Amino acid sequence: MIQAGVKDERENLLSEISFTEEKCDETSNTLQAQIRDDSEMQSNAEGKLAVGMSQEANAAEQARQTSMENSQYKVDSRRR
């Protein structure tokens, strides 16, 4: 009778271990997929950021050149 209880307990523990291992594998797979997705999203965002920064730098340079032209036009218009 005691031996039967020990066998039942052993079977229950082995079942719990198996269930826990399955859930651990599922969780690991889910987290790895999320990490891959997030890494891809980060890479895309970094690419867009680089494009945006380049456009901002180009716009700033264009604004600087336009300001210089306008300053020159003001000087020229005062001379007339």
Protein backbone atom coordinates (compact mmCIF):
# COMPACT_ATOMS: atom_id res chain seq x y z
CA MET A 1 0.00 0.00 0.00
CA ILE A 2 2.79 2.44 0.85
CA GLN A 3 4.63 1.36 -2.29
CA ALA A 4 1.50 2.05 -4.39
CA GLY A 5 1.29 5.56 -2.92
CA VAL A 6 4.94 6.17 -3.75
CA LYS A 7 4.39 4.94 -7.31
CA ASP A 8 1.36 7.20 -7.70
CA GLU A 9 3.32 10.16 -6.36
CA ARG A 10 6.19 9.35 -8.74
CA GLU A 11 3.81 9.23 -11.70
CA ASN A 12 2.22 12.52 -10.66
CA LEU A 13 5.62 14.19 -10.35
CA LEU A 14 6.80 12.85 -13.70
CA SER A 15 3.58 14.12 -15.28
CA GLU A 16 4.09 17.57 -13.72
CA ILE A 17 7.70 17.63 -14.92
CA SER A 18 6.62 16.75 -18.45
CA PHE A 19 3.88 19.40 -18.42
CA THR A 20 6.30 22.03 -17.05
CA GLU A 21 8.90 21.19 -19.72
CA GLU A 22 6.30 21.55 -22.47
CA LYS A 23 5.16 24.91 -21.14
CA CYS A 24 8.78 26.02 -20.79
CA ASP A 25 9.45 25.11 -24.44
CA GLU A 26 6.31 26.96 -25.56
CA THR A 27 7.29 30.04 -23.58
CA SER A 28 10.84 29.91 -24.91
CA ASN A 29 9.60 29.67 -28.51
CA THR A 30 7.18 32.53 -27.98
CA LEU A 31 9.84 34.76 -26.45
CA GLN A 32 12.34 33.95 -29.19
CA ALA A 33 9.75 34.85 -31.83
CA GLN A 34 9.02 38.14 -30.05
CA ILE A 35 12.73 38.91 -29.87
CA ARG A 36 13.11 38.25 -33.61
CA ASP A 37 10.10 40.46 -34.39
CA ASP A 38 11.33 43.23 -32.11
CA SER A 39 14.82 43.07 -33.60
CA GLU A 40 13.37 43.41 -37.08
CA MET A 41 11.21 46.32 -35.96
CA GLN A 42 14.23 48.01 -34.39
CA SER A 43 16.27 47.54 -37.55
CA ASN A 44 13.49 49.06 -39.65
CA ALA A 45 13.14 51.98 -37.24
CA GLU A 46 16.89 52.61 -37.30
CA GLY A 47 16.82 52.67 -41.10
CA LYS A 48 13.96 55.15 -41.10
CA LEU A 49 15.76 57.25 -38.50
CA ALA A 50 18.87 57.38 -40.68
CA VAL A 51 16.80 58.50 -43.67
CA GLY A 52 15.02 61.12 -41.57
CA MET A 53 18.28 62.47 -40.15
CA SER A 54 19.74 62.72 -43.64
CA GLN A 55 16.68 64.59 -44.88
CA GLU A 56 16.85 66.92 -41.88
CA ALA A 57 20.52 67.64 -42.55
CA ASN A 58 19.76 68.35 -46.22
CA ALA A 59 16.90 70.66 -45.25
CA ALA A 60 19.11 72.52 -42.77
CA GLU A 61 21.80 73.02 -45.41
CA GLN A 62 19.21 74.20 -47.91
CA ALA A 63 17.83 76.66 -45.34
CA ARG A 64 21.35 77.94 -44.62
CA GLN A 65 22.02 78.52 -48.32
CA THR A 66 18.64 80.21 -48.80
CA SER A 67 19.35 82.47 -45.85
CA MET A 68 22.69 83.44 -47.36
CA GLU A 69 21.02 84.21 -50.70
CA ASN A 70 18.36 86.30 -48.99
CA SER A 71 21.01 88.22 -47.08
CA GLN A 72 22.80 88.94 -50.33
CA TYR A 73 19.54 90.07 -51.97
CA LYS A 74 18.93 92.48 -49.08
CA VAL A 75 22.40 93.92 -49.47
CA ASP A 76 21.91 94.27 -53.21
CA SER A 77 18.48 95.87 -52.84
CA ARG A 78 19.85 98.48 -50.42
CA ARG A 79 22.53 99.47 -52.92
CA ARG A 80 19.96 100.38 -55.55
